[in-house]
N, C-alpha and C. Protein backbone atom coordinates (compact mmCIF):
# COMPACT_ATOMS: atom_id res chain seq x y z
N MET A 1 -100.62 18.15 -15.27
CA MET A 1 -100.05 18.25 -13.63
C MET A 1 -98.16 17.16 -14.25
N PRO A 2 -97.12 18.01 -14.23
CA PRO A 2 -96.16 16.88 -14.23
C PRO A 2 -95.33 15.92 -12.81
N TRP A 3 -95.03 14.72 -12.97
CA TRP A 3 -94.84 14.03 -11.81
C TRP A 3 -93.36 14.05 -11.32
N ASN A 4 -93.35 13.93 -9.88
CA ASN A 4 -91.83 13.61 -9.51
C ASN A 4 -91.78 12.62 -8.76
N SER A 5 -90.78 12.72 -7.96
CA SER A 5 -90.50 11.11 -7.34
C SER A 5 -91.60 10.81 -5.60
N THR A 6 -92.28 12.04 -5.71
CA THR A 6 -93.06 12.06 -4.63
C THR A 6 -94.57 12.04 -4.85
N TYR A 7 -94.73 12.72 -6.29
CA TYR A 7 -96.37 12.64 -6.77
C TYR A 7 -96.04 11.99 -8.39
N TYR A 8 -96.56 10.60 -8.38
CA TYR A 8 -97.23 10.25 -9.70
C TYR A 8 -97.82 9.33 -9.42
N PRO A 9 -98.18 8.70 -10.99
CA PRO A 9 -99.77 7.70 -11.19
C PRO A 9 -99.36 6.63 -10.23
N THR A 10 -100.40 6.17 -10.01
CA THR A 10 -100.68 4.98 -9.05
C THR A 10 -100.07 3.89 -9.90
N SER A 11 -100.35 3.50 -11.04
CA SER A 11 -99.69 2.46 -11.74
C SER A 11 -98.10 2.54 -11.62
N MET A 12 -97.53 3.72 -11.04
CA MET A 12 -96.01 3.40 -11.31
C MET A 12 -95.59 3.13 -9.95
N LYS A 13 -96.48 2.93 -8.85
CA LYS A 13 -96.15 2.94 -7.39
C LYS A 13 -95.27 1.16 -7.17
N ASP A 14 -95.30 0.48 -8.09
CA ASP A 14 -94.81 -0.91 -7.74
C ASP A 14 -93.70 -0.96 -8.35
N LEU A 15 -93.38 0.06 -9.55
CA LEU A 15 -92.01 0.04 -10.28
C LEU A 15 -91.06 0.33 -9.08
N PRO A 16 -89.85 -0.40 -9.45
CA PRO A 16 -88.35 -0.05 -8.50
C PRO A 16 -87.80 1.29 -9.09
N GLN A 17 -87.52 1.91 -7.63
CA GLN A 17 -87.17 3.26 -7.95
C GLN A 17 -86.59 4.01 -9.43
N VAL A 18 -85.73 3.32 -9.64
CA VAL A 18 -84.82 3.89 -11.02
C VAL A 18 -85.47 3.90 -11.87
N LEU A 19 -86.67 2.66 -12.09
CA LEU A 19 -87.55 2.64 -13.20
C LEU A 19 -88.54 3.43 -13.52
N ARG A 20 -89.34 4.08 -12.05
CA ARG A 20 -90.31 4.88 -11.95
C ARG A 20 -89.66 6.14 -12.43
N ALA A 21 -88.52 6.40 -11.75
CA ALA A 21 -87.91 7.94 -12.11
C ALA A 21 -87.83 7.85 -13.74
N LYS A 22 -87.00 6.87 -14.35
CA LYS A 22 -87.34 7.01 -15.78
C LYS A 22 -88.62 7.05 -16.44
N ALA A 23 -89.79 6.27 -15.79
CA ALA A 23 -90.94 6.43 -16.54
C ALA A 23 -91.61 7.98 -15.90
N ILE A 24 -91.25 8.03 -14.93
CA ILE A 24 -91.56 9.69 -14.73
C ILE A 24 -90.87 11.23 -15.49
N GLU A 25 -89.67 10.28 -15.68
CA GLU A 25 -89.33 11.53 -16.94
C GLU A 25 -90.06 11.43 -18.03
N ILE A 26 -90.09 10.49 -18.89
CA ILE A 26 -90.55 9.88 -20.25
C ILE A 26 -91.93 10.74 -20.08
N ALA A 27 -92.68 10.45 -18.92
CA ALA A 27 -94.05 10.64 -19.04
C ALA A 27 -94.13 12.15 -18.93
N ASN A 28 -93.55 12.95 -18.36
CA ASN A 28 -93.53 14.24 -18.34
C ASN A 28 -93.07 14.74 -19.58
N ALA A 29 -92.01 14.12 -20.18
CA ALA A 29 -91.68 15.02 -22.05
C ALA A 29 -93.05 14.33 -23.01
N LEU A 30 -93.92 13.35 -22.33
CA LEU A 30 -94.87 13.28 -23.62
C LEU A 30 -96.26 14.15 -23.10
N LEU A 31 -96.03 14.66 -21.63
CA LEU A 31 -96.84 15.26 -21.94
C LEU A 31 -96.83 16.94 -22.11
N GLU A 32 -95.60 17.09 -22.30
CA GLU A 32 -95.40 18.46 -22.83
C GLU A 32 -95.34 18.29 -24.28
N GLU A 33 -95.50 17.16 -25.04
CA GLU A 33 -95.61 17.04 -26.32
C GLU A 33 -97.03 17.33 -26.67
N GLY A 34 -97.84 17.39 -25.54
CA GLY A 34 -99.50 17.42 -25.94
C GLY A 34 -100.33 15.73 -26.07
N MET A 35 -99.32 14.75 -25.55
CA MET A 35 -100.49 13.06 -25.29
C MET A 35 -100.78 13.51 -24.21
N ASP A 36 -102.20 12.67 -24.43
CA ASP A 36 -103.19 12.48 -23.26
C ASP A 36 -102.48 11.84 -21.96
N GLU A 37 -102.60 11.86 -20.69
CA GLU A 37 -102.52 11.48 -19.74
C GLU A 37 -102.48 9.86 -19.35
N GLY A 38 -103.33 9.37 -19.84
CA GLY A 38 -103.32 8.38 -19.68
C GLY A 38 -102.41 7.36 -20.68
N LYS A 39 -102.08 7.82 -22.03
CA LYS A 39 -101.54 7.10 -22.91
C LYS A 39 -100.04 7.74 -22.57
N ALA A 40 -99.93 8.68 -22.30
CA ALA A 40 -98.85 8.99 -21.66
C ALA A 40 -97.52 7.98 -20.80
N ILE A 41 -98.73 7.93 -19.49
CA ILE A 41 -98.43 7.10 -18.49
C ILE A 41 -97.95 5.51 -19.32
N ARG A 42 -98.93 4.98 -19.78
CA ARG A 42 -98.71 3.81 -20.62
C ARG A 42 -97.68 3.33 -21.29
N VAL A 43 -97.00 4.81 -22.34
CA VAL A 43 -96.27 4.48 -23.09
C VAL A 43 -94.78 4.70 -22.22
N ALA A 44 -94.49 5.61 -21.23
CA ALA A 44 -93.59 6.14 -20.09
C ALA A 44 -93.12 4.37 -19.45
N ILE A 45 -94.91 3.80 -19.28
CA ILE A 45 -94.02 2.82 -18.48
C ILE A 45 -93.17 1.68 -19.59
N ALA A 46 -93.92 1.86 -20.38
CA ALA A 46 -93.00 0.87 -21.56
C ALA A 46 -91.74 1.20 -21.78
N LYS A 47 -91.99 2.05 -22.00
CA LYS A 47 -90.48 2.83 -23.00
C LYS A 47 -89.17 2.89 -21.26
N ALA A 48 -89.95 3.13 -20.36
CA ALA A 48 -88.37 2.56 -19.19
C ALA A 48 -88.39 1.45 -19.07
N ARG A 49 -89.30 0.62 -19.26
CA ARG A 49 -88.72 -0.89 -19.19
C ARG A 49 -87.96 -1.55 -19.99
N GLU A 50 -88.27 -0.92 -21.25
CA GLU A 50 -86.87 -1.11 -22.55
C GLU A 50 -85.96 -0.21 -22.16
N TRP A 51 -85.79 0.96 -21.66
CA TRP A 51 -84.85 1.52 -20.88
C TRP A 51 -83.90 0.45 -20.07
N ALA A 52 -84.69 0.08 -19.24
CA ALA A 52 -84.26 -0.46 -18.13
C ALA A 52 -83.23 -1.83 -19.17
N ARG A 53 -84.14 -2.49 -19.56
CA ARG A 53 -83.72 -3.73 -20.52
C ARG A 53 -82.09 -3.52 -20.66
N SER A 54 -82.10 -2.47 -21.93
CA SER A 54 -80.82 -1.99 -22.52
C SER A 54 -79.52 -1.54 -21.70
N HIS A 55 -80.02 -0.57 -20.80
CA HIS A 55 -79.01 0.00 -19.98
C HIS A 55 -79.02 -0.89 -18.80
N LEU A 56 -79.59 -1.51 -17.75
CA LEU A 56 -79.37 -2.00 -16.92
C LEU A 56 -79.26 -3.71 -16.80
N GLY A 57 -79.60 -3.96 -17.67
CA GLY A 57 -79.76 -5.43 -18.26
C GLY A 57 -81.09 -5.93 -17.53
N GLU A 58 -81.61 -5.26 -17.04
CA GLU A 58 -82.86 -5.66 -16.59
C GLU A 58 -84.16 -6.72 -17.32
N SER A 59 -84.78 -7.73 -16.78
CA SER A 59 -85.77 -7.99 -17.77
C SER A 59 -87.21 -7.76 -17.24
């Protein structure tokens, strides 16, 4: 089931809003490609953090 800004995995609850939004976007794309939910969440959070470092200068 796709996630959104009000329904998302518990592991994303403590992420800053902009980072969570990016992680949700990435996770939904990974789910559409057939990745299992658990792996999609982990990969999406990691990729969102990479995105934030390169685009927002966050660590």
